């Protein structure tokens, strides 16, 4: 069966900027307080007419251009997001319409871990259908945050990143670990709008369509689950933390990332992060950071890259990528 590798990447950030100065004035804070607690100085946020799908379309186009492929050469589109265009149909359908990709399309919603989940899903699909796949991580969480919510308000940004995946004679994906603990569903949620709590005058009045977070629970569980998963992935590959060349975590909050580094033993100089400039862009955070690291020439052939993702649910996934493993294979049109 065919392995999987990356042949193109791209990112898209909306032009709108939300600075700490603006948020400090809104919430009665100061810039230093926000930076010390989050590591964030500014975020990108969507403006009128921009949506989860529109960000994805731009990131997808750039990834296709980088890969040198036409949209009709894509066999499948995977759209990774926790903030869908609407409840139905899937956001991937909107993106497919604009890009004109061939083959199928579907969404993956593992909240902020959606891109990493989508990568492993794509590897399985590639094994049975060795043709190019476009994987896009995109979110517009700024649209589902209560403007009065300080805890989420200082964290959230919008953006999208994409990769083009193609068959290789040796898979870049060398191992992974994933899990879910559904007892933590109340740690971070948007209660209303689904079948469990349909939209009503009451849900609107009580602002139950906005995201709600229990920050301390998220912090403790994100660190615990991610570190445990990372260790299991390393053990399965017979590797140690120092064998990781690059750690690419979900860009949630610098305090969470720092704790993952400390408890996992991965050297800090191996960290890939851009949270200072974009905040937490949800499912877009990892592919955006990946694209920037690649454009900067930081990741080289043979490097071991560890994806470390976590999200509401709670869900988590770590995946070990050997960059440039194997050679690209020809595929059927």
Protein backbone atom coordinates (compact mmCIF):
# COMPACT_ATOMS: atom_id res chain seq x y z
CA UNK A 1 0.00 0.00 0.00
CA UNK A 2 1.13 3.55 -0.71
CA UNK A 3 2.62 5.81 1.89
CA UNK A 4 1.86 9.51 2.31
CA UNK A 5 3.99 12.62 1.92
CA UNK A 6 3.57 16.38 1.53
CA UNK A 7 4.28 18.03 -1.82
CA UNK A 8 2.73 21.46 -1.31
CA UNK A 9 1.57 23.85 1.38
CA UNK A 10 -0.02 27.24 1.83
CA UNK A 11 -1.67 29.52 4.38
CA UNK A 12 -4.11 32.38 4.46
CA UNK A 13 -4.68 34.94 7.22
CA UNK A 14 -7.37 37.61 7.05
CA UNK A 15 -6.14 41.19 6.96
CA UNK A 16 -8.02 42.32 10.07
CA UNK A 17 -5.80 42.65 13.14
CA UNK A 18 -6.92 42.53 16.76
CA UNK A 19 -4.18 43.86 19.01
CA UNK A 20 -3.63 43.54 22.73
CA UNK A 21 -4.16 47.26 23.05
CA UNK A 22 -7.73 46.91 21.74
CA UNK A 23 -8.49 43.98 24.02
CA UNK A 24 -6.84 45.62 27.02
CA UNK A 25 -9.15 48.60 26.61
CA UNK A 26 -12.21 46.35 26.22
CA UNK A 27 -11.54 44.18 29.25
CA UNK A 28 -9.71 46.61 31.53
CA UNK A 29 -6.38 44.79 31.23
CA UNK A 30 -2.88 45.73 30.18
CA UNK A 31 -0.73 44.39 27.36
CA UNK A 32 1.78 42.69 29.66
CA UNK A 33 -0.95 40.73 31.43
CA UNK A 34 -2.15 39.26 28.13
CA UNK A 35 1.35 38.43 26.89
CA UNK A 36 2.37 36.78 30.17
CA UNK A 37 -0.76 34.61 30.29
CA UNK A 38 -1.01 33.70 26.60
CA UNK A 39 2.15 34.61 24.69
CA UNK A 40 -0.04 36.48 22.19
CA UNK A 41 0.46 40.07 20.98
CA UNK A 42 -2.04 40.22 18.13
CA UNK A 43 -4.51 38.08 16.19
CA UNK A 44 -5.99 38.04 12.70
CA UNK A 45 -9.80 38.14 12.51
CA UNK A 46 -12.25 37.88 9.64
CA UNK A 47 -14.14 40.87 8.29
CA UNK A 48 -17.43 41.21 6.40
CA UNK A 49 -17.87 38.49 3.77
CA UNK A 50 -15.08 36.29 5.12
CA UNK A 51 -15.99 32.83 6.36
CA UNK A 52 -14.48 29.50 7.34
CA UNK A 53 -14.82 28.35 3.73
CA UNK A 54 -13.43 31.51 2.14
CA UNK A 55 -10.26 31.27 4.24
CA UNK A 56 -9.95 27.60 3.29
CA UNK A 57 -10.32 28.35 -0.41
CA UNK A 58 -7.43 30.82 -0.36
CA UNK A 59 -5.14 28.51 1.62
CA UNK A 60 -6.07 25.60 -0.64
CA UNK A 61 -5.29 27.57 -3.79
CA UNK A 62 -1.86 28.49 -2.48
CA UNK A 63 -1.09 24.89 -1.54
CA UNK A 64 -2.12 23.68 -4.99
CA UNK A 65 0.04 26.34 -6.65
CA UNK A 66 2.99 25.33 -4.51
CA UNK A 67 2.49 21.67 -5.44
CA UNK A 68 2.11 22.51 -9.12
CA UNK A 69 -1.22 20.69 -9.36
CA UNK A 70 -4.55 21.63 -10.88
CA UNK A 71 -7.67 21.29 -8.73
CA UNK A 72 -8.98 18.51 -10.98
CA UNK A 73 -5.90 16.43 -10.08
CA UNK A 74 -7.04 16.19 -6.46
CA UNK A 75 -8.83 12.93 -5.69
CA UNK A 76 -10.25 13.99 -2.33
CA UNK A 77 -10.70 17.13 -0.25
CA UNK A 78 -10.60 16.92 3.55
CA UNK A 79 -11.80 20.03 5.35
CA UNK A 80 -10.69 20.16 9.01
CA UNK A 81 -12.62 22.63 11.15
CA UNK A 82 -14.63 23.15 14.31
CA UNK A 83 -16.48 26.22 12.99
CA UNK A 84 -18.50 25.02 10.00
CA UNK A 85 -19.89 27.27 7.31
CA UNK A 86 -23.36 26.16 8.42
CA UNK A 87 -24.89 23.05 9.98
CA UNK A 88 -25.58 21.53 6.57
CA UNK A 89 -24.18 20.85 4.06
CA UNK A 90 -20.57 20.18 4.98
CA UNK A 91 -18.11 23.05 4.67
CA UNK A 92 -16.03 20.91 2.31
CA UNK A 93 -18.83 21.20 -0.27
CA UNK A 94 -18.56 25.00 -0.26
CA UNK A 95 -14.78 24.78 -0.65
CA UNK A 96 -15.01 22.18 -3.42
CA UNK A 97 -17.44 24.41 -5.31
CA UNK A 98 -14.96 27.29 -5.32
CA UNK A 99 -11.79 25.32 -5.96
CA UNK A 100 -13.22 22.80 -8.44
CA UNK A 101 -11.41 19.79 -7.00
CA UNK A 102 -12.27 16.34 -8.35
CA UNK A 103 -13.35 13.30 -6.38
CA UNK A 104 -14.95 13.33 -2.96
CA UNK A 105 -14.96 15.82 -0.11
CA UNK A 106 -15.77 15.56 3.57
CA UNK A 107 -15.32 17.40 6.88
CA UNK A 108 -13.34 16.33 9.95
CA UNK A 109 -14.38 17.99 13.21
CA UNK A 110 -12.06 17.20 16.08
CA UNK A 111 -12.14 20.88 17.01
CA UNK A 112 -8.61 22.30 17.34
CA UNK A 113 -7.12 18.85 16.64
CA UNK A 114 -9.00 18.59 13.33
CA UNK A 115 -5.97 19.09 11.06
CA UNK A 116 -3.93 16.40 12.80
CA UNK A 117 -6.91 14.02 12.76
CA UNK A 118 -7.38 14.82 9.08
CA UNK A 119 -3.75 13.97 8.36
CA UNK A 120 -4.10 10.47 9.82
CA UNK A 121 -7.43 10.00 8.03
CA UNK A 122 -5.73 11.04 4.77
CA UNK A 123 -2.96 8.49 5.34
CA UNK A 124 -5.55 5.72 5.56
CA UNK A 125 -7.31 6.95 2.43
CA UNK A 126 -4.01 7.21 0.57
CA UNK A 127 -3.23 3.58 1.38
CA UNK A 128 -6.29 2.36 -0.54
CA UNK A 129 -6.52 5.12 -3.17
CA UNK A 130 -3.02 6.46 -3.95
CA UNK A 131 -3.89 9.81 -5.49
CA UNK A 132 -3.38 13.41 -4.30
CA UNK A 133 -5.42 14.71 -1.35
CA UNK A 134 -5.95 18.33 -0.34
CA UNK A 135 -6.13 18.73 3.45
CA UNK A 136 -7.17 22.14 4.79
CA UNK A 137 -7.37 23.28 8.42
CA UNK A 138 -9.51 26.38 8.88
CA UNK A 139 -11.42 28.11 11.65
CA UNK A 140 -13.21 31.38 12.42
CA UNK A 141 -13.59 31.12 16.18
CA UNK A 142 -13.78 34.90 16.50
CA UNK A 143 -17.36 34.58 15.21
CA UNK A 144 -18.43 32.28 18.05
CA UNK A 145 -16.80 34.08 20.98
CA UNK A 146 -18.89 36.30 23.21
CA UNK A 147 -17.43 39.84 22.93
CA UNK A 148 -17.74 40.06 26.73
CA UNK A 149 -15.72 36.85 27.32
CA UNK A 150 -12.25 37.87 28.46
CA UNK A 151 -10.85 34.33 28.81
CA UNK A 152 -11.53 33.32 25.21
CA UNK A 153 -11.40 36.82 23.78
CA UNK A 154 -7.67 37.25 24.40
CA UNK A 155 -6.86 33.89 22.79
CA UNK A 156 -8.84 33.56 19.59
CA UNK A 157 -7.81 34.37 16.02
CA UNK A 158 -8.86 33.20 12.56
CA UNK A 159 -6.90 31.59 9.73
CA UNK A 160 -6.37 28.62 7.44
CA UNK A 161 -3.52 26.41 6.31
CA UNK A 162 -3.39 23.62 3.76
CA UNK A 163 -1.18 20.80 2.53
CA UNK A 164 -1.26 18.72 -0.64
CA UNK A 165 -0.59 15.06 0.10
CA UNK A 166 0.64 12.59 -2.51
CA UNK A 167 1.53 8.87 -2.61
CA UNK A 168 5.09 7.92 -1.70
CA UNK A 169 6.89 4.59 -1.74
CA UNK A 170 7.59 5.07 1.98
CA UNK A 171 5.23 6.85 4.31
CA UNK A 172 6.29 10.02 6.08
CA UNK A 173 3.89 9.08 8.87
CA UNK A 174 5.99 6.88 11.13
CA UNK A 175 3.61 6.53 14.05
CA UNK A 176 0.71 8.12 15.89
CA UNK A 177 -1.46 7.98 18.98
CA UNK A 178 -4.97 9.38 19.26
CA UNK A 179 -7.69 9.39 21.87
CA UNK A 180 -10.81 10.96 23.30
CA UNK A 181 -12.19 11.39 26.81
CA UNK A 182 -15.84 12.30 26.38
CA UNK A 183 -16.26 12.92 30.10
CA UNK A 184 -14.63 16.31 29.41
CA UNK A 185 -17.23 17.55 26.91
CA UNK A 186 -18.21 20.46 29.17
CA UNK A 187 -14.69 21.88 29.38
CA UNK A 188 -15.08 23.76 26.10
CA UNK A 189 -18.35 23.82 24.21
CA UNK A 190 -20.93 25.69 22.17
CA UNK A 191 -24.10 24.38 23.83
CA UNK A 192 -26.86 25.45 21.45
CA UNK A 193 -27.67 25.08 17.78
CA UNK A 194 -27.56 21.30 17.45
CA UNK A 195 -30.05 18.51 18.12
CA UNK A 196 -29.17 18.42 21.83
CA UNK A 197 -30.25 22.04 22.36
CA UNK A 198 -31.99 23.43 19.26
CA UNK A 199 -32.09 27.15 18.64
CA UNK A 200 -34.84 28.94 20.54
CA UNK A 201 -35.63 32.31 22.03
CA UNK A 202 -34.17 31.02 25.29
CA UNK A 203 -30.84 29.89 23.79
CA UNK A 204 -30.48 33.22 22.03
CA UNK A 205 -31.36 35.23 25.11
CA UNK A 206 -28.95 33.21 27.27
CA UNK A 207 -26.16 33.50 24.68
CA UNK A 208 -25.77 29.73 24.43
CA UNK A 209 -24.55 29.94 20.84
CA UNK A 210 -21.24 31.37 22.02
CA UNK A 211 -18.30 29.21 23.06
CA UNK A 212 -17.95 28.52 26.78
CA UNK A 213 -14.67 27.48 28.40
CA UNK A 214 -13.48 26.18 31.75
CA UNK A 215 -9.94 27.41 31.36
CA UNK A 216 -8.24 25.52 34.18
CA UNK A 217 -9.78 22.21 33.11
CA UNK A 218 -8.65 22.75 29.53
CA UNK A 219 -5.12 23.61 30.66
CA UNK A 220 -4.70 20.59 32.94
CA UNK A 221 -6.23 18.07 30.56
CA UNK A 222 -4.57 19.41 27.40
CA UNK A 223 -1.17 19.06 29.04
CA UNK A 224 -1.89 15.65 30.60
CA UNK A 225 -3.40 14.03 27.53
CA UNK A 226 -0.92 15.49 25.05
CA UNK A 227 2.19 14.59 27.06
CA UNK A 228 0.93 11.04 27.58
CA UNK A 229 0.17 10.68 23.88
CA UNK A 230 3.55 12.08 22.87
CA UNK A 231 5.34 9.62 25.10
CA UNK A 232 3.37 6.68 23.67
CA UNK A 233 4.18 7.74 20.10
CA UNK A 234 7.88 8.00 20.95
CA UNK A 235 7.91 4.65 22.74
CA UNK A 236 6.29 2.93 19.77
CA UNK A 237 8.99 4.37 17.51
CA UNK A 238 11.76 3.50 20.01
CA UNK A 239 12.76 7.15 20.22
CA UNK A 240 13.47 9.65 23.00
CA UNK A 241 12.31 13.28 23.32
CA UNK A 242 15.73 14.52 22.21
CA UNK A 243 15.30 12.59 18.94
CA UNK A 244 12.55 15.00 17.88
CA UNK A 245 13.91 17.71 15.58
CA UNK A 246 10.74 19.82 15.64
CA UNK A 247 7.70 19.86 17.90
CA UNK A 248 4.67 21.37 16.17
CA UNK A 249 1.86 21.72 18.72
CA UNK A 250 -1.59 23.20 18.36
CA UNK A 251 -1.04 26.90 18.99
CA UNK A 252 -3.53 27.21 21.83
CA UNK A 253 -1.81 29.17 24.56
CA UNK A 254 1.89 29.56 25.31
CA UNK A 255 1.39 28.44 28.93
CA UNK A 256 -0.01 25.11 27.69
CA UNK A 257 2.80 24.74 25.16
CA UNK A 258 5.46 25.54 27.77
CA UNK A 259 4.02 22.92 30.13
CA UNK A 260 3.99 20.30 27.36
CA UNK A 261 7.66 21.04 26.67
CA UNK A 262 8.59 20.86 30.33
CA UNK A 263 6.76 17.61 31.07
CA UNK A 264 7.66 15.81 27.84
CA UNK A 265 11.37 16.63 27.91
CA UNK A 266 11.47 17.99 24.36
CA UNK A 267 14.14 20.74 24.17
CA UNK A 268 12.63 24.20 23.83
CA UNK A 269 14.76 25.06 20.80
CA UNK A 270 12.88 22.36 18.86
CA UNK A 271 9.55 24.19 19.24
CA UNK A 272 7.71 25.60 16.22
CA UNK A 273 5.36 28.39 17.28
CA UNK A 274 3.83 31.56 15.84
CA UNK A 275 1.17 32.19 18.48
CA UNK A 276 2.60 35.64 19.22
CA UNK A 277 1.31 36.97 15.90
CA UNK A 278 -1.88 34.99 15.23
CA UNK A 279 -3.29 33.73 18.52
CA UNK A 280 -5.21 30.46 18.62
CA UNK A 281 -6.49 29.85 15.08
CA UNK A 282 -8.01 26.48 15.93
CA UNK A 283 -7.67 23.85 13.21
CA UNK A 284 -5.71 26.38 11.16
CA UNK A 285 -2.95 26.79 13.73
CA UNK A 286 -0.82 23.75 12.92
CA UNK A 287 -0.81 24.00 9.10
CA UNK A 288 -0.18 27.76 9.29
CA UNK A 289 2.83 27.23 11.57
CA UNK A 290 4.00 24.32 9.41
CA UNK A 291 3.84 26.42 6.24
CA UNK A 292 5.81 29.23 7.85
CA UNK A 293 8.49 26.86 9.15
CA UNK A 294 8.84 25.31 5.68
CA UNK A 295 8.98 28.68 3.93
CA UNK A 296 11.74 29.71 6.36
CA UNK A 297 13.74 26.57 5.51
CA UNK A 298 13.63 25.37 9.07
CA UNK A 299 12.48 21.81 8.28
CA UNK A 300 14.86 19.74 6.17
CA UNK A 301 14.82 16.29 4.60
CA UNK A 302 15.23 13.59 7.22
CA UNK A 303 13.99 15.74 10.11
CA UNK A 304 11.60 14.20 12.60
CA UNK A 305 8.56 16.43 13.14
CA UNK A 306 6.12 15.66 15.96
CA UNK A 307 2.56 16.91 15.56
CA UNK A 308 0.90 17.43 18.96
CA UNK A 309 -2.77 18.33 18.82
CA UNK A 310 -5.59 18.61 21.32
CA UNK A 311 -9.09 20.03 21.28
CA UNK A 312 -12.53 20.15 22.82
CA UNK A 313 -14.12 16.83 23.59
CA UNK A 314 -11.48 16.29 24.80
CA UNK A 315 -9.54 14.80 21.93
CA UNK A 316 -5.84 14.52 21.29
CA UNK A 317 -3.44 13.19 18.67
CA UNK A 318 0.31 13.04 18.28
CA UNK A 319 1.92 11.97 15.03
CA UNK A 320 5.57 11.45 14.13
CA UNK A 321 6.50 12.63 10.64
CA UNK A 322 9.81 11.78 8.96
CA UNK A 323 10.23 14.65 6.55
CA UNK A 324 11.10 13.62 3.01
CA UNK A 325 10.94 9.87 3.65
CA UNK A 326 10.70 7.80 0.49
CA UNK A 327 10.11 9.04 -3.04
CA UNK A 328 6.94 10.32 -4.71
CA UNK A 329 5.03 7.77 -6.77
CA UNK A 330 3.12 8.19 -10.00
CA UNK A 331 -0.61 8.09 -9.63
CA UNK A 332 -3.53 7.34 -11.89
CA UNK A 333 -5.44 10.33 -13.23
